[in-house]
C-alpha atoms as a PDB file:
ATOM      1  CA  UNK A   1      87.426 -59.590 -27.322  1.00  0.00           C
ATOM      2  CA  UNK A   2      89.987 -62.322 -26.851  1.00  0.00           C
ATOM      3  CA  UNK A   3      89.077 -65.835 -27.850  1.00  0.00           C
ATOM      4  CA  UNK A   4      88.972 -68.710 -25.368  1.00  0.00           C
ATOM      5  CA  UNK A   5      92.037 -70.194 -27.087  1.00  0.00           C
ATOM      6  CA  UNK A   6      93.941 -66.950 -26.497  1.00  0.00           C
ATOM      7  CA  UNK A   7      92.823 -66.773 -22.880  1.00  0.00           C
ATOM      8  CA  UNK A   8      93.995 -70.341 -22.242  1.00  0.00           C
ATOM      9  CA  UNK A   9      97.611 -69.250 -22.655  1.00  0.00           C
ATOM     10  CA  UNK A  10      97.296 -65.506 -22.130  1.00  0.00           C
ATOM     11  CA  UNK A  11      99.145 -63.967 -19.170  1.00  0.00           C
ATOM     12  CA  UNK A  12      97.374 -60.610 -19.086  1.00  0.00           C
ATOM     13  CA  UNK A  13      96.799 -59.067 -15.681  1.00  0.00           C
ATOM     14  CA  UNK A  14      94.790 -56.156 -14.332  1.00  0.00           C
ATOM     15  CA  UNK A  15      95.258 -53.036 -12.244  1.00  0.00           C
ATOM     16  CA  UNK A  16      93.266 -52.767  -9.008  1.00  0.00           C
ATOM     17  CA  UNK A  17      93.287 -48.962  -9.198  1.00  0.00           C
ATOM     18  CA  UNK A  18      92.035 -48.980 -12.779  1.00  0.00           C
ATOM     19  CA  UNK A  19      89.406 -51.592 -11.900  1.00  0.00           C
ATOM     20  CA  UNK A  20      88.016 -49.336  -9.166  1.00  0.00           C
ATOM     21  CA  UNK A  21      88.106 -46.135 -11.231  1.00  0.00           C
ATOM     22  CA  UNK A  22      86.784 -47.665 -14.460  1.00  0.00           C
ATOM     23  CA  UNK A  23      84.231 -49.700 -12.531  1.00  0.00           C
ATOM     24  CA  UNK A  24      82.827 -46.603 -10.850  1.00  0.00           C
ATOM     25  CA  UNK A  25      82.836 -44.741 -14.177  1.00  0.00           C
ATOM     26  CA  UNK A  26      80.671 -47.526 -15.643  1.00  0.00           C
ATOM     27  CA  UNK A  27      78.105 -47.865 -12.872  1.00  0.00           C
ATOM     28  CA  UNK A  28      77.848 -44.118 -12.201  1.00  0.00           C
ATOM     29  CA  UNK A  29      76.356 -43.679 -15.688  1.00  0.00           C
ATOM     30  CA  UNK A  30      73.236 -45.526 -14.516  1.00  0.00           C
ATOM     31  CA  UNK A  31      73.680 -45.413 -10.731  1.00  0.00           C
ATOM     32  CA  UNK A  32      69.948 -44.943 -10.149  1.00  0.00           C
ATOM     33  CA  UNK A  33      69.182 -48.210 -11.937  1.00  0.00           C
ATOM     34  CA  UNK A  34      71.896 -50.040  -9.998  1.00  0.00           C
ATOM     35  CA  UNK A  35      70.524 -48.775  -6.679  1.00  0.00           C
ATOM     36  CA  UNK A  36      66.929 -49.573  -7.632  1.00  0.00           C
ATOM     37  CA  UNK A  37      67.982 -52.971  -8.948  1.00  0.00           C
ATOM     38  CA  UNK A  38      69.816 -53.658  -5.686  1.00  0.00           C
ATOM     39  CA  UNK A  39      66.747 -52.771  -3.643  1.00  0.00           C
ATOM     40  CA  UNK A  40      64.564 -55.038  -5.805  1.00  0.00           C
ATOM     41  CA  UNK A  41      67.109 -57.855  -5.419  1.00  0.00           C
ATOM     42  CA  UNK A  42      67.107 -57.489  -1.628  1.00  0.00           C
ATOM     43  CA  UNK A  43      63.292 -57.595  -1.542  1.00  0.00           C
ATOM     44  CA  UNK A  44      63.235 -60.726  -3.715  1.00  0.00           C
ATOM     45  CA  UNK A  45      65.902 -62.453  -1.634  1.00  0.00           C
ATOM     46  CA  UNK A  46      64.152 -61.490   1.609  1.00  0.00           C
ATOM     47  CA  UNK A  47      60.832 -62.836   0.364  1.00  0.00           C
ATOM     48  CA  UNK A  48      62.448 -66.096  -0.715  1.00  0.00           C
ATOM     49  CA  UNK A  49      64.241 -66.348   2.622  1.00  0.00           C
ATOM     50  CA  UNK A  50      60.891 -66.474   4.397  1.00  0.00           C
ATOM     51  CA  UNK A  51      60.353 -69.946   2.930  1.00  0.00           C
ATOM     52  CA  UNK A  52      61.975 -72.374   5.404  1.00  0.00           C
ATOM     53  CA  UNK A  53      65.068 -74.218   4.140  1.00  0.00           C
ATOM     54  CA  UNK A  54      64.073 -74.160   0.443  1.00  0.00           C
ATOM     55  CA  UNK A  55      64.140 -70.362   0.303  1.00  0.00           C
ATOM     56  CA  UNK A  56      67.687 -70.158   1.620  1.00  0.00           C
ATOM     57  CA  UNK A  57      68.970 -72.714  -0.876  1.00  0.00           C
ATOM     58  CA  UNK A  58      67.091 -71.021  -3.737  1.00  0.00           C
ATOM     59  CA  UNK A  59      68.758 -67.742  -2.792  1.00  0.00           C
ATOM     60  CA  UNK A  60      72.210 -69.340  -2.795  1.00  0.00           C
ATOM     61  CA  UNK A  61      72.034 -71.287  -6.053  1.00  0.00           C
ATOM     62  CA  UNK A  62      69.406 -69.530  -8.205  1.00  0.00           C
ATOM     63  CA  UNK A  63      68.191 -66.063  -7.219  1.00  0.00           C
ATOM     64  CA  UNK A  64      71.379 -64.306  -6.084  1.00  0.00           C
ATOM     65  CA  UNK A  65      73.621 -65.818  -8.816  1.00  0.00           C
ATOM     66  CA  UNK A  66      71.098 -65.041 -11.584  1.00  0.00           C
ATOM     67  CA  UNK A  67      70.559 -61.484 -10.351  1.00  0.00           C
ATOM     68  CA  UNK A  68      74.331 -61.006 -10.241  1.00  0.00           C
ATOM     69  CA  UNK A  69      74.543 -62.401 -13.782  1.00  0.00           C
ATOM     70  CA  UNK A  70      71.969 -59.802 -14.789  1.00  0.00           C
ATOM     71  CA  UNK A  71      74.158 -57.086 -13.271  1.00  0.00           C
ATOM     72  CA  UNK A  72      77.119 -58.434 -15.259  1.00  0.00           C
ATOM     73  CA  UNK A  73      75.020 -58.377 -18.435  1.00  0.00           C
ATOM     74  CA  UNK A  74      73.964 -54.732 -18.096  1.00  0.00           C
ATOM     75  CA  UNK A  75      77.485 -53.638 -17.057  1.00  0.00           C
ATOM     76  CA  UNK A  76      78.897 -55.351 -20.139  1.00  0.00           C
ATOM     77  CA  UNK A  77      76.375 -53.521 -22.329  1.00  0.00           C
ATOM     78  CA  UNK A  78      77.235 -50.199 -20.693  1.00  0.00           C
ATOM     79  CA  UNK A  79      80.943 -50.794 -21.353  1.00  0.00           C
ATOM     80  CA  UNK A  80      80.163 -51.311 -25.037  1.00  0.00           C
ATOM     81  CA  UNK A  81      78.187 -48.064 -25.210  1.00  0.00           C
ATOM     82  CA  UNK A  82      74.721 -49.673 -25.308  1.00  0.00           C
ATOM     83  CA  UNK A  83      73.560 -48.308 -21.938  1.00  0.00           C
ATOM     84  CA  UNK A  84      70.882 -49.593 -19.572  1.00  0.00           C
ATOM     85  CA  UNK A  85      67.507 -48.510 -20.924  1.00  0.00           C
ATOM     86  CA  UNK A  86      65.158 -50.974 -19.214  1.00  0.00           C
ATOM     87  CA  UNK A  87      65.187 -51.949 -15.541  1.00  0.00           C
ATOM     88  CA  UNK A  88      63.928 -55.373 -16.605  1.00  0.00           C
ATOM     89  CA  UNK A  89      67.395 -56.089 -18.024  1.00  0.00           C
ATOM     90  CA  UNK A  90      68.484 -56.885 -14.462  1.00  0.00           C
ATOM     91  CA  UNK A  91      66.625 -60.192 -14.881  1.00  0.00           C
ATOM     92  CA  UNK A  92      68.528 -61.169 -18.051  1.00  0.00           C
ATOM     93  CA  UNK A  93      70.687 -63.433 -15.914  1.00  0.00           C
ATOM     94  CA  UNK A  94      67.787 -65.890 -15.730  1.00  0.00           C
ATOM     95  CA  UNK A  95      68.373 -66.541 -19.448  1.00  0.00           C
ATOM     96  CA  UNK A  96      71.467 -68.429 -18.285  1.00  0.00           C
ATOM     97  CA  UNK A  97      69.680 -70.238 -15.459  1.00  0.00           C
ATOM     98  CA  UNK A  98      71.050 -73.717 -16.239  1.00  0.00           C
ATOM     99  CA  UNK A  99      74.795 -73.039 -16.196  1.00  0.00           C
ATOM    100  CA  UNK A 100      74.461 -70.333 -13.522  1.00  0.00           C
ATOM    101  CA  UNK A 101      72.616 -72.675 -11.147  1.00  0.00           C
ATOM    102  CA  UNK A 102      74.964 -75.611 -11.795  1.00  0.00           C
ATOM    103  CA  UNK A 103      78.085 -73.534 -11.159  1.00  0.00           C
ATOM    104  CA  UNK A 104      76.531 -72.025  -8.018  1.00  0.00           C
ATOM    105  CA  UNK A 105      75.610 -75.523  -6.766  1.00  0.00           C
ATOM    106  CA  UNK A 106      79.184 -76.736  -7.288  1.00  0.00           C
ATOM    107  CA  UNK A 107      80.687 -73.791  -5.414  1.00  0.00           C
ATOM    108  CA  UNK A 108      78.065 -74.037  -2.649  1.00  0.00           C
ATOM    109  CA  UNK A 109      78.700 -77.781  -2.292  1.00  0.00           C
ATOM    110  CA  UNK A 110      82.474 -77.280  -1.986  1.00  0.00           C
ATOM    111  CA  UNK A 111      82.008 -74.648   0.742  1.00  0.00           C
ATOM    112  CA  UNK A 112      79.510 -76.850   2.596  1.00  0.00           C
ATOM    113  CA  UNK A 113      81.888 -79.839   2.478  1.00  0.00           C
ATOM    114  CA  UNK A 114      84.761 -77.739   3.841  1.00  0.00           C
ATOM    115  CA  UNK A 115      82.527 -76.365   6.606  1.00  0.00           C
ATOM    116  CA  UNK A 116      81.335 -79.859   7.549  1.00  0.00           C
ATOM    117  CA  UNK A 117      84.924 -81.119   7.708  1.00  0.00           C
ATOM    118  CA  UNK A 118      85.704 -78.247  10.077  1.00  0.00           C
ATOM    119  CA  UNK A 119      82.682 -78.960  12.295  1.00  0.00           C
ATOM    120  CA  UNK A 120      83.449 -82.693  12.446  1.00  0.00           C
ATOM    121  CA  UNK A 121      86.449 -81.868  14.627  1.00  0.00           C
ATOM    122  CA  UNK A 122      84.034 -80.563  17.270  1.00  0.00           C
ATOM    123  CA  UNK A 123      81.057 -82.842  16.679  1.00  0.00           C
ATOM    124  CA  UNK A 124      81.248 -84.500  20.121  1.00  0.00           C
ATOM    125  CA  UNK A 125      81.404 -81.145  21.893  1.00  0.00           C
ATOM    126  CA  UNK A 126      78.518 -79.732  19.839  1.00  0.00           C
ATOM    127  CA  UNK A 127      76.343 -82.795  20.542  1.00  0.00           C
ATOM    128  CA  UNK A 128      77.080 -82.644  24.282  1.00  0.00           C
ATOM    129  CA  UNK A 129      76.363 -78.922  24.313  1.00  0.00           C
ATOM    130  CA  UNK A 130      72.914 -79.328  22.752  1.00  0.00           C
ATOM    131  CA  UNK A 131      72.100 -82.327  24.943  1.00  0.00           C
ATOM    132  CA  UNK A 132      72.977 -80.336  28.074  1.00  0.00           C
ATOM    133  CA  UNK A 133      70.968 -77.350  26.871  1.00  0.00           C
ATOM    134  CA  UNK A 134      67.744 -79.279  26.369  1.00  0.00           C
ATOM    135  CA  UNK A 135      64.776 -78.188  28.474  1.00  0.00           C
ATOM    136  CA  UNK A 136      65.653 -77.187  32.012  1.00  0.00           C
ATOM    137  CA  UNK A 137      69.272 -78.097  31.355  1.00  0.00           C
ATOM    138  CA  UNK A 138      69.851 -74.633  29.938  1.00  0.00           C
ATOM    139  CA  UNK A 139      69.424 -73.298  33.502  1.00  0.00           C
ATOM    140  CA  UNK A 140      70.709 -76.230  35.553  1.00  0.00           C
ATOM    141  CA  UNK A 141      73.877 -76.982  33.579  1.00  0.00           C
ATOM    142  CA  UNK A 142      75.337 -73.503  33.274  1.00  0.00           C
ATOM    143  CA  UNK A 143      78.839 -74.524  34.400  1.00  0.00           C
ATOM    144  CA  UNK A 144      78.933 -77.517  32.075  1.00  0.00           C
ATOM    145  CA  UNK A 145      77.664 -75.469  29.143  1.00  0.00           C
ATOM    146  CA  UNK A 146      80.272 -72.807  29.840  1.00  0.00           C
ATOM    147  CA  UNK A 147      83.027 -75.441  29.957  1.00  0.00           C
ATOM    148  CA  UNK A 148      81.876 -76.993  26.681  1.00  0.00           C
ATOM    149  CA  UNK A 149      81.712 -73.583  25.024  1.00  0.00           C
ATOM    150  CA  UNK A 150      85.265 -72.832  26.123  1.00  0.00           C
ATOM    151  CA  UNK A 151      86.420 -76.004  24.378  1.00  0.00           C
ATOM    152  CA  UNK A 152      85.169 -74.529  21.116  1.00  0.00           C
ATOM    153  CA  UNK A 153      87.183 -71.336  21.559  1.00  0.00           C
ATOM    154  CA  UNK A 154      90.775 -72.530  21.715  1.00  0.00           C
ATOM    155  CA  UNK A 155      93.899 -71.494  19.785  1.00  0.00           C
ATOM    156  CA  UNK A 156      93.584 -74.706  17.759  1.00  0.00           C
ATOM    157  CA  UNK A 157      89.978 -73.963  16.764  1.00  0.00           C
ATOM    158  CA  UNK A 158      90.955 -70.382  15.888  1.00  0.00           C
ATOM    159  CA  UNK A 159      93.701 -71.652  13.549  1.00  0.00           C
ATOM    160  CA  UNK A 160      91.357 -74.186  11.931  1.00  0.00           C
ATOM    161  CA  UNK A 161      88.667 -71.542  11.480  1.00  0.00           C
ATOM    162  CA  UNK A 162      91.206 -69.190   9.912  1.00  0.00           C
ATOM    163  CA  UNK A 163      92.260 -71.950   7.512  1.00  0.00           C
ATOM    164  CA  UNK A 164      88.606 -72.513   6.606  1.00  0.00           C
ATOM    165  CA  UNK A 165      88.200 -68.806   5.821  1.00  0.00           C
ATOM    166  CA  UNK A 166      91.366 -68.880   3.703  1.00  0.00           C
ATOM    167  CA  UNK A 167      90.050 -71.845   1.705  1.00  0.00           C
ATOM    168  CA  UNK A 168      86.678 -70.152   1.181  1.00  0.00           C
ATOM    169  CA  UNK A 169      88.440 -66.954   0.056  1.00  0.00           C
ATOM    170  CA  UNK A 170      90.579 -69.005  -2.337  1.00  0.00           C
ATOM    171  CA  UNK A 171      87.481 -70.667  -3.825  1.00  0.00           C
ATOM    172  CA  UNK A 172      85.786 -67.281  -4.227  1.00  0.00           C
ATOM    173  CA  UNK A 173      88.878 -65.900  -5.951  1.00  0.00           C
ATOM    174  CA  UNK A 174      89.445 -68.695  -8.450  1.00  0.00           C
ATOM    175  CA  UNK A 175      85.783 -68.780  -9.514  1.00  0.00           C
ATOM    176  CA  UNK A 176      85.159 -65.033  -9.370  1.00  0.00           C
ATOM    177  CA  UNK A 177      84.775 -64.788 -13.173  1.00  0.00           C
ATOM    178  CA  UNK A 178      82.648 -67.887 -13.763  1.00  0.00           C
ATOM    179  CA  UNK A 179      79.433 -65.907 -14.259  1.00  0.00           C
ATOM    180  CA  UNK A 180      81.220 -63.457 -16.551  1.00  0.00           C
ATOM    181  CA  UNK A 181      82.256 -66.313 -18.824  1.00  0.00           C
ATOM    182  CA  UNK A 182      78.745 -67.786 -18.750  1.00  0.00           C
ATOM    183  CA  UNK A 183      77.088 -64.467 -19.651  1.00  0.00           C
ATOM    184  CA  UNK A 184      79.645 -62.914 -22.004  1.00  0.00           C
ATOM    185  CA  UNK A 185      81.219 -65.990 -23.603  1.00  0.00           C
ATOM    186  CA  UNK A 186      78.011 -68.099 -23.426  1.00  0.00           C
ATOM    187  CA  UNK A 187      79.878 -70.976 -21.766  1.00  0.00           C
ATOM    188  CA  UNK A 188      78.502 -73.924 -19.834  1.00  0.00           C
ATOM    189  CA  UNK A 189      79.052 -74.226 -16.080  1.00  0.00           C
ATOM    190  CA  UNK A 190      82.186 -76.326 -15.691  1.00  0.00           C
ATOM    191  CA  UNK A 191      84.100 -74.916 -18.709  1.00  0.00           C
ATOM    192  CA  UNK A 192      83.354 -71.404 -17.376  1.00  0.00           C
ATOM    193  CA  UNK A 193      84.599 -72.374 -13.918  1.00  0.00           C
ATOM    194  CA  UNK A 194      87.749 -73.891 -15.392  1.00  0.00           C
ATOM    195  CA  UNK A 195      88.471 -70.818 -17.509  1.00  0.00           C
ATOM    196  CA  UNK A 196      87.909 -68.606 -14.470  1.00  0.00           C
ATOM    197  CA  UNK A 197      90.317 -70.781 -12.489  1.00  0.00           C
ATOM    198  CA  UNK A 198      92.985 -70.470 -15.183  1.00  0.00           C
ATOM    199  CA  UNK A 199      92.975 -66.694 -15.497  1.00  0.00           C
ATOM    200  CA  UNK A 200      92.471 -66.200 -11.753  1.00  0.00           C
ATOM    201  CA  UNK A 201      95.421 -68.483 -11.071  1.00  0.00           C
ATOM    202  CA  UNK A 202      97.620 -66.175 -13.135  1.00  0.00           C
ATOM    203  CA  UNK A 203      96.295 -63.165 -11.215  1.00  0.00           C
ATOM    204  CA  UNK A 204      96.032 -64.709  -7.760  1.00  0.00           C
ATOM    205  CA  UNK A 205      97.832 -62.027  -5.746  1.00  0.00           C
ATOM    206  CA  UNK A 206      96.119 -59.043  -7.431  1.00  0.00           C
ATOM    207  CA  UNK A 207      92.732 -60.738  -6.989  1.00  0.00           C
ATOM    208  CA  UNK A 208      93.346 -61.484  -3.305  1.00  0.00           C
ATOM    209  CA  UNK A 209      94.400 -57.859  -2.823  1.00  0.00           C
ATOM    210  CA  UNK A 210      91.299 -56.699  -4.668  1.00  0.00           C
ATOM    211  CA  UNK A 211      89.017 -58.947  -2.586  1.00  0.00           C
ATOM    212  CA  UNK A 212      90.512 -57.704   0.683  1.00  0.00           C
ATOM    213  CA  UNK A 213      90.291 -54.045  -0.372  1.00  0.00           C
ATOM    214  CA  UNK A 214      86.748 -54.436  -1.684  1.00  0.00           C
ATOM    215  CA  UNK A 215      85.746 -56.257   1.496  1.00  0.00           C
ATOM    216  CA  UNK A 216      87.103 -53.368   3.565  1.00  0.00           C
ATOM    217  CA  UNK A 217      85.224 -50.824   1.433  1.00  0.00           C
ATOM    218  CA  UNK A 218      81.965 -52.756   1.798  1.00  0.00           C
ATOM    219  CA  UNK A 219      82.491 -53.172   5.551  1.00  0.00           C
ATOM    220  CA  UNK A 220      83.114 -49.446   6.075  1.00  0.00           C
ATOM    221  CA  UNK A 221      80.194 -48.498   3.817  1.00  0.00           C
ATOM    222  CA  UNK A 222      77.841 -50.707   5.856  1.00  0.00           C
ATOM    223  CA  UNK A 223      78.607 -48.865   9.120  1.00  0.00           C
ATOM    224  CA  UNK A 224      76.292 -45.847   8.592  1.00  0.00           C
ATOM    225  CA  UNK A 225      73.047 -47.862   8.722  1.00  0.00           C
ATOM    226  CA  UNK A 226      73.999 -49.709   5.535  1.00  0.00           C
ATOM    227  CA  UNK A 227      73.322 -46.654   3.352  1.00  0.00           C
ATOM    228  CA  UNK A 228      76.813 -46.813   1.897  1.00  0.00           C
ATOM    229  CA  UNK A 229      76.064 -50.274   0.473  1.00  0.00           C
ATOM    230  CA  UNK A 230      73.855 -48.586  -2.112  1.00  0.00           C
ATOM    231  CA  UNK A 231      77.086 -47.251  -3.618  1.00  0.00           C
ATOM    232  CA  UNK A 232      79.735 -49.819  -2.641  1.00  0.00           C
ATOM    233  CA  UNK A 233      77.869 -52.835  -4.067  1.00  0.00           C
ATOM    234  CA  UNK A 234      77.482 -51.237  -7.529  1.00  0.00           C
ATOM    235  CA  UNK A 235      81.175 -50.329  -7.271  1.00  0.00           C
ATOM    236  CA  UNK A 236      81.966 -53.996  -6.597  1.00  0.00           C
ATOM    237  CA  UNK A 237      79.960 -55.078  -9.655  1.00  0.00           C
ATOM    238  CA  UNK A 238      81.615 -52.496 -11.885  1.00  0.00           C
ATOM    239  CA  UNK A 239      85.172 -52.978 -10.632  1.00  0.00           C
ATOM    240  CA  UNK A 240      84.998 -56.784 -10.855  1.00  0.00           C
ATOM    241  CA  UNK A 241      83.729 -56.450 -14.415  1.00  0.00           C
ATOM    242  CA  UNK A 242      86.530 -53.963 -15.171  1.00  0.00           C
ATOM    243  CA  UNK A 243      89.135 -56.449 -13.915  1.00  0.00           C
ATOM    244  CA  UNK A 244      87.601 -59.102 -16.178  1.00  0.00           C
ATOM    245  CA  UNK A 245      87.523 -56.679 -19.115  1.00  0.00           C
ATOM    246  CA  UNK A 246      91.177 -55.707 -18.650  1.00  0.00           C
ATOM    247  CA  UNK A 247      92.112 -59.373 -19.017  1.00  0.00           C
ATOM    248  CA  UNK A 248      89.677 -60.429 -21.756  1.00  0.00           C
ATOM    249  CA  UNK A 249      89.146 -57.116 -23.635  1.00  0.00           C
ATOM    250  CA  UNK A 250      85.433 -57.935 -23.711  1.00  0.00           C
ATOM    251  CA  UNK A 251      84.619 -54.235 -23.627  1.00  0.00           C
ATOM    252  CA  UNK A 252      86.236 -53.583 -26.998  1.00  0.00           C
ATOM    253  CA  UNK A 253      84.082 -53.161 -30.128  1.00  0.00           C
ATOM    254  CA  UNK A 254      83.449 -56.399 -31.967  1.00  0.00           C
ATOM    255  CA  UNK A 255      86.037 -56.927 -34.681  1.00  0.00           C
ATOM    256  CA  UNK A 256      84.822 -57.063 -38.271  1.00  0.00           C
ATOM    257  CA  UNK A 257      86.577 -59.657 -40.350  1.00  0.00           C
ATOM    258  CA  UNK A 258      87.250 -58.804 -44.015  1.00  0.00           C
ATOM    259  CA  UNK A 259      85.984 -62.256 -44.955  1.00  0.00           C
ATOM    260  CA  UNK A 260      82.533 -61.097 -43.845  1.00  0.00           C
ATOM    261  CA  UNK A 261      82.446 -58.889 -46.953  1.00  0.00           C
ATOM    262  CA  UNK A 262      83.786 -61.422 -49.458  1.00  0.00           C
ATOM    263  CA  UNK A 263      80.301 -61.975 -50.807  1.00  0.00           C
ATOM    264  CA  UNK A 264      80.325 -58.374 -52.031  1.00  0.00           C
ATOM    265  CA  UNK A 265      83.421 -58.963 -54.163  1.00  0.00           C
ATOM    266  CA  UNK A 266      81.663 -61.727 -56.079  1.00  0.00           C
ATOM    267  CA  UNK A 267      78.504 -59.732 -56.630  1.00  0.00           C
ATOM    268  CA  UNK A 268      78.277 -58.448 -60.205  1.00  0.00           C
ATOM    269  CA  UNK A 269      76.756 -55.089 -60.890  1.00  0.00           C
ATOM    270  CA  UNK A 270      73.359 -55.276 -62.572  1.00  0.00           C
END
């Protein structure tokens, strides 16, 4: 596994095709656990979502990130030949709760700020729309409501919305490996985010291509009643890990330094 010093200047890249094939090879070894773990994660997230406001935030910054970190942990172990013997390992991500939650809060805050900046351009229209829709106004002000709605759907708003999506994609790309660094390299939140930004910046085009392809795969897999997600989401976990492993070599056996055995040289036979 490369050191953080090596990764700071390293220019290694990854292959999208290899990421997909190696990723599937990893998760298919324990596909049943991945599917069961995914179902458990959905149930937990759904239950938390029933709690007004707090549940949604908890999902965004604690539950989903920690469960994903658990998936990274077990995939890392599988890649090193240790396997996935206990379903409870999917909760290992909560061992990194502090840095995971902080990094998720930072990313969530950046996306919220960008979204608010976008909505500020249409604040007057949105306020007027809701004022006109109050009570009986929803029936009496149909023409006005329709006119206000049309002001939200203009070429200018479409361009601004597209730019917002591009910025959100960019943020997702540059911080895609933050949880991997937290789990595998035991880093704190901001250093992990910075290291992710550095290696993602050197692989920006391949990562964007990977995100778009993976998004298409997930979209297509969701069409048949969402059944395909049981396979495409584990593929996403495995292939993203594979991309990380190609760059960091974290899947290689731990190196044994000769200095570790120096004590034996000084030991005198009895």
